[in-house]
Amino acid sequence: MYIYLYDNYTRQDKYKHKIAQIDKKIIELGQNRKIIRLGEIKGIASIINNHSNRGAHGIIAVGNDRTLSGLICAMFQSNDQEILETPISIIPIGSKNQNLAKILNISTQNLGEALISRKIKKINLIEIQSFRLSNTDHHTLVRDQKKYCLTQLYTQNREGLFCQVRNGYSFEIRKNKQLRIINLLNQQDILRQKLNNARLIFNPFDKILELVIENKISAQRQYLYNLVNKKINPIDSFFSLENFAILNHGLSLLLDGVSEIKTPAKIKIANHGLNFIVGRNFHVY
C-alpha cells in the first residue's frame, strides 16, 4: 500500500484535471492506496503517526518542494525506525517550487515507471539544530528547532559569519558573502556555471558537507568592473566539512528554498538517511 499526502493547495480548481490524471494513473497501476488530504504542512507529523502505515510500500507527497520538505521533517519527528525506513517520493503539482522533483528525476510523465521500478536510493540529509537564549538565563543557549534539508541551505551574509568547527577551531566569513552548505545539487543550478572547471562533486552518500562561499557583487559595482573590463571570480572559496556551527544570532538560513531556521545553529549530516523513490535517470553531479 502507498500513502499519498495531497497538499492543501492541490484542491484549487486549476489542478483538478492534473489530479484526475494522476488518480487514473495510480488506479491503472493496481496499487492499494490511502489518500490523505493535508490541511497544513505542520500537521504531517501527526498524520504519519496517527495513520497506520506499517507495511506501507511508500509515502508520496503530492505537491511541491514545501510538501516534500514537510514530509522529510515529519519522518524524523516520528522517531520510529520502521517509518524512517519507508521509501518516500513526490508527485509534482504545478510549475513553481519543483526543484526537489527535478533532482529526484520524478515527473507526472514518468510517475508510473518510477513507482513500478521502485528505484530506491538511500540519501543523506543535512540536520540543522538551532539554539536560542534561555528564558531564565540570558547567557545560556538551549535547543530550539531541529529541521532537515535534502539539497542545500544558504544565508545572505551582510555582517559577517562566525563559524566553529571541531576542537575549538573557528573561521570567519567576511560580510557581503553568501554561504551555501550543499548536500545535493540540481544539474541546472547556476552555481555549476560559477564553479567553471572545478572538479567538485556534491555527493549525498559520502556524509560530507560541501561549503561554497560566493562573492555578492552589487549591480553598481559590477557595472564599474565592466567599464574597466575587470573580471571578478563569483566564487570566493569552497571546502568540505563533516559538521560545524554558525555562531551569529538571528540570521535566517533558507532550507531547500522553502523553510527557514534561525542561528545560532549546529549543522551536520543526519545520523539516518532516508529512502527516496527516484526516476530512472537520477544521477549525482
C-alpha atoms as a PDB file:
ATOM      1  CA  MET A   1       0.000   0.000   0.000  1.00  0.00           C
ATOM      2  CA  TYR A   2       1.118   3.535  -0.830  1.00  0.00           C
ATOM      3  CA  ILE A   3       0.096   6.542   1.247  1.00  0.00           C
ATOM      4  CA  TYR A   4      -0.499   9.707  -0.792  1.00  0.00           C
ATOM      5  CA  LEU A   5      -0.344  13.047   1.028  1.00  0.00           C
ATOM      6  CA  TYR A   6      -2.124  15.702  -1.063  1.00  0.00           C
ATOM      7  CA  ASP A   7      -1.050  19.250  -0.224  1.00  0.00           C
ATOM      8  CA  ASN A   8      -3.873  21.643   0.556  1.00  0.00           C
ATOM      9  CA  TYR A   9      -3.141  23.854  -2.484  1.00  0.00           C
ATOM     10  CA  THR A  10      -3.847  20.950  -4.863  1.00  0.00           C
ATOM     11  CA  ARG A  11      -7.573  21.461  -4.116  1.00  0.00           C
ATOM     12  CA  GLN A  12      -7.557  24.534  -6.356  1.00  0.00           C
ATOM     13  CA  ASP A  13      -9.743  24.278  -9.468  1.00  0.00           C
ATOM     14  CA  LYS A  14      -6.805  24.776 -11.839  1.00  0.00           C
ATOM     15  CA  TYR A  15      -5.276  21.482 -10.648  1.00  0.00           C
ATOM     16  CA  LYS A  16      -8.437  19.354 -10.885  1.00  0.00           C
ATOM     17  CA  HIS A  17      -7.565  17.956 -14.309  1.00  0.00           C
ATOM     18  CA  LYS A  18      -3.980  17.136 -13.300  1.00  0.00           C
ATOM     19  CA  ILE A  19      -5.137  15.442 -10.077  1.00  0.00           C
ATOM     20  CA  ALA A  20      -7.691  13.397 -12.047  1.00  0.00           C
ATOM     21  CA  GLN A  21      -4.923  12.243 -14.418  1.00  0.00           C
ATOM     22  CA  ILE A  22      -2.727  11.206 -11.505  1.00  0.00           C
ATOM     23  CA  ASP A  23      -5.569   9.363  -9.773  1.00  0.00           C
ATOM     24  CA  LYS A  24      -6.295   7.492 -13.003  1.00  0.00           C
ATOM     25  CA  LYS A  25      -2.642   6.524 -13.419  1.00  0.00           C
ATOM     26  CA  ILE A  26      -2.421   5.254  -9.847  1.00  0.00           C
ATOM     27  CA  ILE A  27      -5.581   3.150 -10.327  1.00  0.00           C
ATOM     28  CA  GLU A  28      -4.131   1.719 -13.552  1.00  0.00           C
ATOM     29  CA  LEU A  29      -1.072   0.593 -11.593  1.00  0.00           C
ATOM     30  CA  GLY A  30      -3.401  -1.544  -9.485  1.00  0.00           C
ATOM     31  CA  GLN A  31      -1.912  -0.391  -6.193  1.00  0.00           C
ATOM     32  CA  ASN A  32      -3.629  -0.294  -2.843  1.00  0.00           C
ATOM     33  CA  ARG A  33      -3.559   3.275  -1.660  1.00  0.00           C
ATOM     34  CA  LYS A  34      -4.597   5.585   1.125  1.00  0.00           C
ATOM     35  CA  ILE A  35      -5.227   9.219   0.213  1.00  0.00           C
ATOM     36  CA  ILE A  36      -4.816  11.872   2.903  1.00  0.00           C
ATOM     37  CA  ARG A  37      -5.726  15.497   2.210  1.00  0.00           C
ATOM     38  CA  LEU A  38      -3.473  17.795   4.185  1.00  0.00           C
ATOM     39  CA  GLY A  39      -4.760  20.850   5.962  1.00  0.00           C
ATOM     40  CA  GLU A  40      -1.455  22.454   6.924  1.00  0.00           C
ATOM     41  CA  ILE A  41       2.082  21.247   6.298  1.00  0.00           C
ATOM     42  CA  LYS A  42       2.858  21.348  10.021  1.00  0.00           C
ATOM     43  CA  GLY A  43       0.251  18.633  10.524  1.00  0.00           C
ATOM     44  CA  ILE A  44       2.142  15.991   8.514  1.00  0.00           C
ATOM     45  CA  ALA A  45       3.959  14.571  11.575  1.00  0.00           C
ATOM     46  CA  SER A  46       0.752  13.850  13.488  1.00  0.00           C
ATOM     47  CA  ILE A  47      -0.851  12.397  10.350  1.00  0.00           C
ATOM     48  CA  ILE A  48       2.027   9.967   9.844  1.00  0.00           C
ATOM     49  CA  ASN A  49       1.869   8.888  13.477  1.00  0.00           C
ATOM     50  CA  ASN A  50      -1.925   8.681  13.656  1.00  0.00           C
ATOM     51  CA  HIS A  51      -2.455   6.711  10.448  1.00  0.00           C
ATOM     52  CA  SER A  52      -1.239   3.169  10.496  1.00  0.00           C
ATOM     53  CA  ASN A  53       1.421   2.828   7.805  1.00  0.00           C
ATOM     54  CA  ARG A  54       3.007  -0.429   8.905  1.00  0.00           C
ATOM     55  CA  GLY A  55       3.927  -2.360   5.784  1.00  0.00           C
ATOM     56  CA  ALA A  56       3.440   0.656   3.524  1.00  0.00           C
ATOM     57  CA  HIS A  57       5.408   0.447   0.277  1.00  0.00           C
ATOM     58  CA  GLY A  58       5.917   4.189   0.284  1.00  0.00           C
ATOM     59  CA  ILE A  59       4.685   7.631   1.297  1.00  0.00           C
ATOM     60  CA  ILE A  60       4.223  10.019  -1.618  1.00  0.00           C
ATOM     61  CA  ALA A  61       3.970  13.794  -1.243  1.00  0.00           C
ATOM     62  CA  VAL A  62       1.615  15.214  -3.887  1.00  0.00           C
ATOM     63  CA  GLY A  63       2.558  18.871  -4.166  1.00  0.00           C
ATOM     64  CA  ASN A  64       5.819  20.799  -4.338  1.00  0.00           C
ATOM     65  CA  ASP A  65       9.148  21.325  -2.550  1.00  0.00           C
ATOM     66  CA  ARG A  66       7.357  22.569   0.543  1.00  0.00           C
ATOM     67  CA  THR A  67       5.246  19.395   0.715  1.00  0.00           C
ATOM     68  CA  LEU A  68       8.217  17.037   0.408  1.00  0.00           C
ATOM     69  CA  SER A  69      10.289  19.135   2.819  1.00  0.00           C
ATOM     70  CA  GLY A  70       7.471  18.870   5.369  1.00  0.00           C
ATOM     71  CA  LEU A  71       7.307  15.108   4.857  1.00  0.00           C
ATOM     72  CA  ILE A  72      11.069  14.762   5.341  1.00  0.00           C
ATOM     73  CA  CYS A  73      10.983  16.604   8.681  1.00  0.00           C
ATOM     74  CA  ALA A  74       7.911  14.612   9.768  1.00  0.00           C
ATOM     75  CA  MET A  75       9.716  11.324   9.078  1.00  0.00           C
ATOM     76  CA  PHE A  76      12.448  12.284  11.533  1.00  0.00           C
ATOM     77  CA  GLN A  77       9.995  13.680  14.083  1.00  0.00           C
ATOM     78  CA  SER A  78       8.264  10.290  14.185  1.00  0.00           C
ATOM     79  CA  ASN A  79      11.389   8.802  15.789  1.00  0.00           C
ATOM     80  CA  ASP A  80      10.128   5.433  14.525  1.00  0.00           C
ATOM     81  CA  GLN A  81      12.669   3.165  12.836  1.00  0.00           C
ATOM     82  CA  GLU A  82      10.089   1.496  10.600  1.00  0.00           C
ATOM     83  CA  ILE A  83       8.755   4.854   9.418  1.00  0.00           C
ATOM     84  CA  LEU A  84      12.302   6.092   8.767  1.00  0.00           C
ATOM     85  CA  GLU A  85      12.907   3.085   6.502  1.00  0.00           C
ATOM     86  CA  THR A  86       9.716   3.653   4.475  1.00  0.00           C
ATOM     87  CA  PRO A  87      10.535   4.952   0.956  1.00  0.00           C
ATOM     88  CA  ILE A  88       9.236   8.421   0.123  1.00  0.00           C
ATOM     89  CA  SER A  89       8.896  10.477  -3.049  1.00  0.00           C
ATOM     90  CA  ILE A  90       6.984  13.305  -4.672  1.00  0.00           C
ATOM     91  CA  ILE A  91       4.432  13.836  -7.411  1.00  0.00           C
ATOM     92  CA  PRO A  92       4.915  17.440  -8.577  1.00  0.00           C
ATOM     93  CA  ILE A  93       1.756  19.538  -8.978  1.00  0.00           C
ATOM     94  CA  GLY A  94       2.186  22.964 -10.585  1.00  0.00           C
ATOM     95  CA  SER A  95       5.317  24.538 -12.043  1.00  0.00           C
ATOM     96  CA  LYS A  96       6.550  26.560  -9.043  1.00  0.00           C
ATOM     97  CA  ASN A  97       8.937  25.245  -6.370  1.00  0.00           C
ATOM     98  CA  GLN A  98       9.645  21.895  -8.035  1.00  0.00           C
ATOM     99  CA  ASN A  99      13.413  21.750  -7.605  1.00  0.00           C
ATOM    100  CA  LEU A 100      13.304  18.594  -5.448  1.00  0.00           C
ATOM    101  CA  ALA A 101      11.221  16.704  -8.013  1.00  0.00           C
ATOM    102  CA  LYS A 102      13.712  17.662 -10.734  1.00  0.00           C
ATOM    103  CA  ILE A 103      16.649  16.484  -8.635  1.00  0.00           C
ATOM    104  CA  LEU A 104      14.939  13.158  -7.907  1.00  0.00           C
ATOM    105  CA  ASN A 105      14.021  12.891 -11.610  1.00  0.00           C
ATOM    106  CA  ILE A 106      10.312  12.480 -10.870  1.00  0.00           C
ATOM    107  CA  SER A 107       7.577  13.933 -13.072  1.00  0.00           C
ATOM    108  CA  THR A 108       3.935  13.164 -13.772  1.00  0.00           C
ATOM    109  CA  GLN A 109       5.112  11.680 -17.076  1.00  0.00           C
ATOM    110  CA  ASN A 110       7.449   9.068 -15.549  1.00  0.00           C
ATOM    111  CA  LEU A 111       5.401   8.541 -12.368  1.00  0.00           C
ATOM    112  CA  GLY A 112       4.144   5.075 -13.300  1.00  0.00           C
ATOM    113  CA  GLU A 113       7.594   3.929 -14.328  1.00  0.00           C
ATOM    114  CA  ALA A 114       9.137   5.199 -11.096  1.00  0.00           C
ATOM    115  CA  LEU A 115       6.567   3.504  -8.850  1.00  0.00           C
ATOM    116  CA  ILE A 116       6.753   0.211 -10.738  1.00  0.00           C
ATOM    117  CA  SER A 117      10.553   0.024 -10.999  1.00  0.00           C
ATOM    118  CA  ARG A 118      10.953   1.303  -7.402  1.00  0.00           C
ATOM    119  CA  LYS A 119      14.488   2.543  -7.940  1.00  0.00           C
ATOM    120  CA  ILE A 120      15.357   3.459  -4.365  1.00  0.00           C
ATOM    121  CA  LYS A 121      18.347   5.461  -3.195  1.00  0.00           C
ATOM    122  CA  LYS A 122      19.205   5.985   0.464  1.00  0.00           C
ATOM    123  CA  ILE A 123      20.238   9.635   0.574  1.00  0.00           C
ATOM    124  CA  ASN A 124      21.852  11.515   3.423  1.00  0.00           C
ATOM    125  CA  LEU A 125      20.232  14.703   4.670  1.00  0.00           C
ATOM    126  CA  ILE A 126      21.500  17.837   6.370  1.00  0.00           C
ATOM    127  CA  GLU A 127      20.450  18.195  10.007  1.00  0.00           C
ATOM    128  CA  ILE A 128      20.181  21.714  11.445  1.00  0.00           C
ATOM    129  CA  GLN A 129      19.787  22.178  15.189  1.00  0.00           C
ATOM    130  CA  SER A 130      19.062  25.770  16.168  1.00  0.00           C
ATOM    131  CA  PHE A 131      19.518  27.327  19.593  1.00  0.00           C
ATOM    132  CA  ARG A 132      18.014  30.255  21.465  1.00  0.00           C
ATOM    133  CA  LEU A 133      18.724  32.080  24.695  1.00  0.00           C
ATOM    134  CA  SER A 134      17.164  30.538  27.778  1.00  0.00           C
ATOM    135  CA  ASN A 135      14.104  32.314  29.173  1.00  0.00           C
ATOM    136  CA  THR A 136      15.573  32.111  32.681  1.00  0.00           C
ATOM    137  CA  ASP A 137      19.255  32.670  31.970  1.00  0.00           C
ATOM    138  CA  HIS A 138      20.005  35.044  29.110  1.00  0.00           C
ATOM    139  CA  HIS A 139      23.615  33.827  28.936  1.00  0.00           C
ATOM    140  CA  THR A 140      22.704  30.191  28.310  1.00  0.00           C
ATOM    141  CA  LEU A 141      21.754  28.647  24.977  1.00  0.00           C
ATOM    142  CA  VAL A 142      19.087  25.946  24.839  1.00  0.00           C
ATOM    143  CA  ARG A 143      17.931  23.769  21.959  1.00  0.00           C
ATOM    144  CA  ASP A 144      15.199  25.283  19.819  1.00  0.00           C
ATOM    145  CA  GLN A 145      14.140  23.849  16.444  1.00  0.00           C
ATOM    146  CA  LYS A 146      15.551  20.898  14.544  1.00  0.00           C
ATOM    147  CA  LYS A 147      14.993  20.700  10.804  1.00  0.00           C
ATOM    148  CA  TYR A 148      16.263  18.640   7.886  1.00  0.00           C
ATOM    149  CA  CYS A 149      17.291  19.578   4.377  1.00  0.00           C
ATOM    150  CA  LEU A 150      17.773  17.415   1.272  1.00  0.00           C
ATOM    151  CA  THR A 151      19.670  19.687  -1.103  1.00  0.00           C
ATOM    152  CA  GLN A 152      21.219  22.847   0.322  1.00  0.00           C
ATOM    153  CA  LEU A 153      20.825  25.726   2.732  1.00  0.00           C
ATOM    154  CA  TYR A 154      22.213  29.212   2.478  1.00  0.00           C
ATOM    155  CA  THR A 155      22.271  32.611   4.103  1.00  0.00           C
ATOM    156  CA  GLN A 156      22.717  36.128   2.810  1.00  0.00           C
ATOM    157  CA  ASN A 157      25.666  37.418   4.820  1.00  0.00           C
ATOM    158  CA  ARG A 158      25.685  41.192   5.253  1.00  0.00           C
ATOM    159  CA  GLU A 159      27.530  41.493   8.562  1.00  0.00           C
ATOM    160  CA  GLY A 160      29.993  38.598   8.526  1.00  0.00           C
ATOM    161  CA  LEU A 161      29.641  34.997   9.673  1.00  0.00           C
ATOM    162  CA  PHE A 162      31.429  33.382  12.600  1.00  0.00           C
ATOM    163  CA  CYS A 163      31.732  29.621  12.332  1.00  0.00           C
ATOM    164  CA  GLN A 164      33.186  26.979  14.607  1.00  0.00           C
ATOM    165  CA  VAL A 165      34.441  23.514  13.736  1.00  0.00           C
ATOM    166  CA  ARG A 166      35.922  20.678  15.788  1.00  0.00           C
ATOM    167  CA  ASN A 167      38.439  21.130  18.608  1.00  0.00           C
ATOM    168  CA  GLY A 168      37.593  24.788  19.073  1.00  0.00           C
ATOM    169  CA  TYR A 169      38.857  25.885  15.652  1.00  0.00           C
ATOM    170  CA  SER A 170      36.875  28.675  14.047  1.00  0.00           C
ATOM    171  CA  PHE A 171      36.762  30.735  10.879  1.00  0.00           C
ATOM    172  CA  GLU A 172      35.097  33.953   9.771  1.00  0.00           C
ATOM    173  CA  ILE A 173      33.348  34.692   6.501  1.00  0.00           C
ATOM    174  CA  ARG A 174      33.531  38.365   5.647  1.00  0.00           C
ATOM    175  CA  LYS A 175      30.433  40.460   5.013  1.00  0.00           C
ATOM    176  CA  ASN A 176      28.682  40.607   1.642  1.00  0.00           C
ATOM    177  CA  LYS A 177      29.319  36.926   1.004  1.00  0.00           C
ATOM    178  CA  GLN A 178      26.757  34.179   0.546  1.00  0.00           C
ATOM    179  CA  LEU A 179      27.413  30.856   2.249  1.00  0.00           C
ATOM    180  CA  ARG A 180      25.922  27.734   0.727  1.00  0.00           C
ATOM    181  CA  ILE A 181      26.018  24.388   2.532  1.00  0.00           C
ATOM    182  CA  ILE A 182      25.347  21.730  -0.094  1.00  0.00           C
ATOM    183  CA  ASN A 183      24.407  18.066   0.059  1.00  0.00           C
ATOM    184  CA  LEU A 184      22.843  17.540  -3.374  1.00  0.00           C
ATOM    185  CA  LEU A 185      22.737  19.989  -6.273  1.00  0.00           C
ATOM    186  CA  ASN A 186      20.493  20.332  -9.294  1.00  0.00           C
ATOM    187  CA  GLN A 187      22.429  19.873 -12.534  1.00  0.00           C
ATOM    188  CA  GLN A 188      20.961  23.146 -13.832  1.00  0.00           C
ATOM    189  CA  ASP A 189      21.909  25.177 -10.746  1.00  0.00           C
ATOM    190  CA  ILE A 190      23.684  28.368 -11.804  1.00  0.00           C
ATOM    191  CA  LEU A 191      26.365  27.614  -9.199  1.00  0.00           C
ATOM    192  CA  ARG A 192      27.770  24.977 -11.562  1.00  0.00           C
ATOM    193  CA  GLN A 193      28.491  27.674 -14.130  1.00  0.00           C
ATOM    194  CA  LYS A 194      30.192  29.801 -11.477  1.00  0.00           C
ATOM    195  CA  LEU A 195      32.431  26.903 -10.435  1.00  0.00           C
ATOM    196  CA  ASN A 196      33.594  26.562 -14.040  1.00  0.00           C
ATOM    197  CA  ASN A 197      36.099  23.710 -14.244  1.00  0.00           C
ATOM    198  CA  ALA A 198      36.349  22.993 -10.526  1.00  0.00           C
ATOM    199  CA  ARG A 199      36.026  19.246 -10.093  1.00  0.00           C
ATOM    200  CA  LEU A 200      33.581  19.392  -7.244  1.00  0.00           C
ATOM    201  CA  ILE A 201      31.016  16.621  -6.860  1.00  0.00           C
ATOM    202  CA  PHE A 202      28.135  17.115  -4.455  1.00  0.00           C
ATOM    203  CA  ASN A 203      27.756  13.559  -3.197  1.00  0.00           C
ATOM    204  CA  PRO A 204      24.747  12.891  -0.937  1.00  0.00           C
ATOM    205  CA  PHE A 205      26.174   9.500   0.068  1.00  0.00           C
ATOM    206  CA  ASP A 206      29.590  10.458   1.496  1.00  0.00           C
ATOM    207  CA  LYS A 207      28.479  12.076   4.818  1.00  0.00           C
ATOM    208  CA  ILE A 208      30.425  15.218   3.890  1.00  0.00           C
ATOM    209  CA  LEU A 209      29.063  18.753   3.531  1.00  0.00           C
ATOM    210  CA  GLU A 210      30.364  20.999   0.762  1.00  0.00           C
ATOM    211  CA  LEU A 211      30.649  24.662   1.706  1.00  0.00           C
ATOM    212  CA  VAL A 212      30.753  27.238  -1.074  1.00  0.00           C
ATOM    213  CA  ILE A 213      31.352  30.931  -0.357  1.00  0.00           C
ATOM    214  CA  GLU A 214      30.109  33.218  -3.132  1.00  0.00           C
ATOM    215  CA  ASN A 215      31.036  36.848  -3.718  1.00  0.00           C
ATOM    216  CA  LYS A 216      27.948  39.052  -3.762  1.00  0.00           C
ATOM    217  CA  ILE A 217      28.568  41.958  -6.134  1.00  0.00           C
ATOM    218  CA  SER A 218      26.105  44.833  -6.382  1.00  0.00           C
ATOM    219  CA  ALA A 219      24.800  45.835  -9.816  1.00  0.00           C
ATOM    220  CA  GLN A 220      26.551  49.206  -9.493  1.00  0.00           C
ATOM    221  CA  ARG A 221      29.918  47.641  -8.698  1.00  0.00           C
ATOM    222  CA  GLN A 222      29.505  45.099 -11.477  1.00  0.00           C
ATOM    223  CA  TYR A 223      28.828  47.968 -13.898  1.00  0.00           C
ATOM    224  CA  LEU A 224      32.066  49.698 -12.844  1.00  0.00           C
ATOM    225  CA  TYR A 225      34.032  46.472 -13.226  1.00  0.00           C
ATOM    226  CA  ASN A 226      32.606  46.024 -16.720  1.00  0.00           C
ATOM    227  CA  LEU A 227      33.728  49.545 -17.681  1.00  0.00           C
ATOM    228  CA  VAL A 228      37.357  48.700 -16.929  1.00  0.00           C
ATOM    229  CA  ASN A 229      36.985  45.153 -18.229  1.00  0.00           C
ATOM    230  CA  LYS A 230      37.784  43.721 -14.803  1.00  0.00           C
ATOM    231  CA  LYS A 231      36.593  40.217 -14.058  1.00  0.00           C
ATOM    232  CA  ILE A 232      35.609  39.160 -10.554  1.00  0.00           C
ATOM    233  CA  ASN A 233      35.504  35.491  -9.599  1.00  0.00           C
ATOM    234  CA  PRO A 234      31.965  34.812  -8.355  1.00  0.00           C
ATOM    235  CA  ILE A 235      33.334  32.064  -6.088  1.00  0.00           C
ATOM    236  CA  ASP A 236      35.452  33.145  -3.124  1.00  0.00           C
ATOM    237  CA  SER A 237      36.310  29.628  -1.914  1.00  0.00           C
ATOM    238  CA  PHE A 238      34.927  26.147  -1.311  1.00  0.00           C
ATOM    239  CA  PHE A 239      35.836  23.346   1.053  1.00  0.00           C
ATOM    240  CA  SER A 240      34.420  20.263   2.789  1.00  0.00           C
ATOM    241  CA  LEU A 241      33.432  19.671   6.430  1.00  0.00           C
ATOM    242  CA  GLU A 242      31.699  16.933   8.388  1.00  0.00           C
ATOM    243  CA  ASN A 243      29.961  19.383  10.726  1.00  0.00           C
ATOM    244  CA  PHE A 244      30.225  22.938  12.002  1.00  0.00           C
ATOM    245  CA  ALA A 245      28.285  25.651  13.807  1.00  0.00           C
ATOM    246  CA  ILE A 246      27.239  29.179  12.867  1.00  0.00           C
ATOM    247  CA  LEU A 247      27.577  31.332  15.971  1.00  0.00           C
ATOM    248  CA  ASN A 248      25.788  34.525  14.844  1.00  0.00           C
ATOM    249  CA  HIS A 249      22.450  35.255  16.488  1.00  0.00           C
ATOM    250  CA  GLY A 250      19.287  35.883  14.496  1.00  0.00           C
ATOM    251  CA  LEU A 251      20.439  35.086  10.950  1.00  0.00           C
ATOM    252  CA  SER A 252      17.982  33.206   8.738  1.00  0.00           C
ATOM    253  CA  LEU A 253      19.066  30.024   6.986  1.00  0.00           C
ATOM    254  CA  LEU A 254      16.921  29.052   3.988  1.00  0.00           C
ATOM    255  CA  LEU A 255      16.452  25.275   3.682  1.00  0.00           C
ATOM    256  CA  ASP A 256      15.673  23.670   0.311  1.00  0.00           C
ATOM    257  CA  GLY A 257      14.438  27.102  -0.739  1.00  0.00           C
ATOM    258  CA  VAL A 258      11.187  26.736   1.229  1.00  0.00           C
ATOM    259  CA  SER A 259      11.655  26.916   5.011  1.00  0.00           C
ATOM    260  CA  GLU A 260      13.746  28.972   7.415  1.00  0.00           C
ATOM    261  CA  ILE A 261      15.582  28.394  10.672  1.00  0.00           C
ATOM    262  CA  LYS A 262      17.431  30.909  12.834  1.00  0.00           C
ATOM    263  CA  THR A 263      21.020  30.869  14.027  1.00  0.00           C
ATOM    264  CA  PRO A 264      22.976  30.047  16.120  1.00  0.00           C
ATOM    265  CA  ALA A 265      22.816  26.536  14.732  1.00  0.00           C
ATOM    266  CA  LYS A 266      24.797  23.315  14.512  1.00  0.00           C
ATOM    267  CA  ILE A 267      24.884  21.768  11.057  1.00  0.00           C
ATOM    268  CA  LYS A 268      25.834  18.198  10.160  1.00  0.00           C
ATOM    269  CA  ILE A 269      24.797  15.161   8.149  1.00  0.00           C
ATOM    270  CA  ALA A 270      21.858  13.435   9.852  1.00  0.00           C
ATOM    271  CA  ASN A 271      22.594  10.106  11.530  1.00  0.00           C
ATOM    272  CA  HIS A 272      19.920   8.380   9.447  1.00  0.00           C
ATOM    273  CA  GLY A 273      19.429   8.669   5.686  1.00  0.00           C
ATOM    274  CA  LEU A 274      16.026   8.366   4.011  1.00  0.00           C
ATOM    275  CA  ASN A 275      14.982   6.046   1.192  1.00  0.00           C
ATOM    276  CA  PHE A 276      13.824   8.015  -1.853  1.00  0.00           C
ATOM    277  CA  ILE A 277      11.996   6.578  -4.843  1.00  0.00           C
ATOM    278  CA  VAL A 278      13.792   8.236  -7.758  1.00  0.00           C
ATOM    279  CA  GLY A 279      13.421   8.316 -11.521  1.00  0.00           C
ATOM    280  CA  ARG A 280      15.438   6.092 -13.830  1.00  0.00           C
ATOM    281  CA  ASN A 281      17.735   8.975 -14.838  1.00  0.00           C
ATOM    282  CA  PHE A 282      18.535  10.107 -11.300  1.00  0.00           C
ATOM    283  CA  HIS A 283      22.252  10.984 -11.079  1.00  0.00           C
ATOM    284  CA  VAL A 284      24.606  12.677  -8.667  1.00  0.00           C
ATOM    285  CA  TYR A 285      26.561  15.548 -10.248  1.00  0.00           C
END
